């Protein structure tokens, strides 16, 4: 959820890469490291992915085809999840997804989520002073704020 608020849309496989059964916590520095590694999708990347399911390059994908792909391949979505997408993204009620418009919609929504998250952080001056936990800072009251420590992790034993 927090990765999505930061403009990412990780698959479960990506989440599992960082949060394993041995992970007990992630601190803010760990989170920032993940954000640097997991870049948000770009419009060209999204268009390329849609192009794979639109070999005739019409610019559209039928809702039925989208349902079939998203509920049966890769990280499968539920019928309700796909319905929510098609309801929001069927800009002309044609039963087809204009994926160029959808990509614009997706990027804009992602940027809005990032702005909202940054605005929330700005409200908390202490977080702003900490510069995301990267170093100790002295507040205006002369109190030294703590530096985040690495997350405790249990080492993995091999059998």
Protein backbone atom coordinates (compact mmCIF):
# COMPACT_ATOMS: atom_id res chain seq x y z
CA UNK A 1 0.00 0.00 0.00
CA UNK A 2 2.76 2.49 0.84
CA UNK A 3 4.63 1.60 -2.34
CA UNK A 4 1.46 2.39 -4.28
CA UNK A 5 1.12 5.71 -2.45
CA UNK A 6 4.67 6.45 -3.59
CA UNK A 7 3.68 5.91 -7.22
CA UNK A 8 4.79 2.32 -7.62
CA UNK A 9 2.61 -0.61 -8.55
CA UNK A 10 4.57 -3.63 -7.36
CA UNK A 11 3.58 -7.17 -8.15
CA UNK A 12 3.39 -9.65 -5.32
CA UNK A 13 6.67 -11.09 -6.63
CA UNK A 14 8.33 -7.69 -6.19
CA UNK A 15 6.93 -7.28 -2.67
CA UNK A 16 8.14 -10.78 -1.78
CA UNK A 17 11.64 -9.82 -2.94
CA UNK A 18 11.84 -7.28 -0.11
CA UNK A 19 9.49 -8.76 2.49
CA UNK A 20 10.41 -12.38 3.12
CA UNK A 21 9.41 -14.71 5.93
CA UNK A 22 12.67 -13.69 7.63
CA UNK A 23 11.91 -9.94 7.47
CA UNK A 24 10.67 -8.54 10.76
CA UNK A 25 10.59 -4.81 9.98
CA UNK A 26 11.59 -2.26 7.39
CA UNK A 27 12.64 1.18 8.50
CA UNK A 28 12.24 4.34 6.47
CA UNK A 29 15.75 4.14 4.99
CA UNK A 30 14.99 0.60 3.79
CA UNK A 31 11.78 1.92 2.21
CA UNK A 32 13.67 4.72 0.44
CA UNK A 33 16.17 2.17 -0.92
CA UNK A 34 13.28 0.12 -2.33
CA UNK A 35 11.80 3.22 -3.97
CA UNK A 36 15.13 3.94 -5.66
CA UNK A 37 15.30 0.39 -7.01
CA UNK A 38 11.65 0.08 -8.06
CA UNK A 39 11.02 2.90 -10.49
CA UNK A 40 7.46 3.86 -11.45
CA UNK A 41 6.17 2.65 -14.79
CA UNK A 42 6.60 5.08 -17.66
CA UNK A 43 4.10 5.69 -20.43
CA UNK A 44 6.37 4.12 -23.10
CA UNK A 45 6.71 0.96 -20.95
CA UNK A 46 2.95 0.76 -20.48
CA UNK A 47 2.27 1.33 -24.20
CA UNK A 48 4.78 -1.39 -25.07
CA UNK A 49 2.96 -3.83 -22.77
CA UNK A 50 -0.41 -2.97 -24.31
CA UNK A 51 1.12 -3.27 -27.76
CA UNK A 52 1.79 -6.94 -27.07
CA UNK A 53 -1.95 -7.58 -26.73
CA UNK A 54 -2.83 -5.28 -29.64
CA UNK A 55 -0.79 -6.72 -32.52
CA UNK A 56 -2.79 -4.71 -35.10
CA UNK A 57 -1.86 -1.49 -33.27
CA UNK A 58 -5.45 -0.22 -33.16
CA UNK A 59 -4.90 1.60 -29.86
CA UNK A 60 -7.72 -0.35 -28.23
CA UNK A 61 -8.17 -3.54 -26.26
CA UNK A 62 -11.62 -5.07 -25.91
CA UNK A 63 -12.81 -5.31 -22.33
CA UNK A 64 -13.41 -9.04 -22.79
CA UNK A 65 -9.80 -9.52 -23.89
CA UNK A 66 -8.56 -7.45 -20.96
CA UNK A 67 -10.66 -9.54 -18.54
CA UNK A 68 -9.27 -12.73 -20.05
CA UNK A 69 -5.64 -11.58 -19.79
CA UNK A 70 -5.80 -9.98 -16.35
CA UNK A 71 -7.71 -12.82 -14.69
CA UNK A 72 -5.73 -15.72 -16.17
CA UNK A 73 -2.12 -14.61 -16.71
CA UNK A 74 0.72 -13.47 -14.49
CA UNK A 75 -0.41 -12.08 -11.17
CA UNK A 76 -4.10 -12.81 -11.62
CA UNK A 77 -6.63 -10.12 -10.78
CA UNK A 78 -10.19 -10.77 -9.71
CA UNK A 79 -13.17 -10.08 -11.94
CA UNK A 80 -14.14 -7.19 -9.62
CA UNK A 81 -10.67 -5.61 -9.84
CA UNK A 82 -10.74 -5.68 -13.64
CA UNK A 83 -14.31 -4.34 -13.62
CA UNK A 84 -13.18 -1.40 -11.50
CA UNK A 85 -10.47 -0.62 -14.06
CA UNK A 86 -12.77 -0.85 -17.05
CA UNK A 87 -15.45 1.26 -15.34
CA UNK A 88 -12.98 4.05 -14.68
CA UNK A 89 -11.12 3.75 -17.97
CA UNK A 90 -13.91 3.28 -20.52
CA UNK A 91 -13.77 6.92 -21.51
CA UNK A 92 -16.29 6.66 -24.35
CA UNK A 93 -18.44 3.71 -23.13
CA UNK A 94 -17.45 1.65 -26.15
CA UNK A 95 -16.58 -1.63 -24.46
CA UNK A 96 -12.98 -1.03 -25.55
CA UNK A 97 -10.09 0.31 -23.55
CA UNK A 98 -8.32 3.21 -25.27
CA UNK A 99 -4.99 2.28 -23.76
CA UNK A 100 -3.22 5.51 -24.74
CA UNK A 101 -5.79 7.47 -22.71
CA UNK A 102 -5.62 4.84 -19.99
CA UNK A 103 -1.82 5.25 -19.75
CA UNK A 104 -2.26 9.02 -19.40
CA UNK A 105 -4.90 8.40 -16.71
CA UNK A 106 -2.62 5.93 -14.91
CA UNK A 107 0.41 8.26 -14.96
CA UNK A 108 -1.66 11.26 -13.82
CA UNK A 109 -3.22 9.26 -10.98
CA UNK A 110 0.19 7.96 -9.92
CA UNK A 111 1.61 11.50 -9.89
CA UNK A 112 -1.38 12.71 -7.84
CA UNK A 113 -0.79 9.96 -5.28
CA UNK A 114 2.88 10.96 -5.01
CA UNK A 115 1.97 14.62 -4.55
CA UNK A 116 -0.59 13.75 -1.87
CA UNK A 117 1.97 11.60 -0.03
CA UNK A 118 4.58 14.38 -0.21
CA UNK A 119 2.02 16.91 1.04
CA UNK A 120 1.27 14.68 4.02
CA UNK A 121 4.99 14.48 4.81
CA UNK A 122 5.34 18.24 4.54
CA UNK A 123 2.71 18.68 7.25
CA UNK A 124 4.97 16.91 9.71
CA UNK A 125 7.93 19.26 10.12
CA UNK A 126 9.86 16.68 12.09
CA UNK A 127 9.89 14.30 9.12
CA UNK A 128 11.00 17.17 6.90
CA UNK A 129 13.83 17.99 9.32
CA UNK A 130 14.98 14.37 9.35
CA UNK A 131 15.39 14.39 5.57
CA UNK A 132 13.82 10.95 5.43
CA UNK A 133 16.02 9.49 8.15
CA UNK A 134 19.21 9.74 6.16
CA UNK A 135 21.13 11.65 8.84
CA UNK A 136 20.75 13.12 12.30
CA UNK A 137 19.53 16.72 12.26
CA UNK A 138 19.32 19.28 14.99
CA UNK A 139 15.85 20.70 15.38
CA UNK A 140 15.17 24.35 16.15
CA UNK A 141 14.97 23.43 19.84
CA UNK A 142 18.52 22.05 19.75
CA UNK A 143 17.41 18.41 20.14
CA UNK A 144 19.31 15.89 18.04
CA UNK A 145 16.89 13.65 16.19
CA UNK A 146 17.73 9.94 16.01
CA UNK A 147 19.22 8.32 12.97
CA UNK A 148 17.31 5.29 11.66
CA UNK A 149 19.04 2.00 12.28
CA UNK A 150 19.05 -0.85 9.79
CA UNK A 151 16.17 -3.26 10.07
CA UNK A 152 16.83 -6.37 12.13
CA UNK A 153 16.71 -9.37 9.87
CA UNK A 154 17.09 -13.01 10.67
CA UNK A 155 19.72 -14.67 8.56
CA UNK A 156 18.48 -17.46 6.37
CA UNK A 157 19.81 -20.92 7.16
CA UNK A 158 20.26 -23.36 4.31
CA UNK A 159 19.48 -27.04 4.66
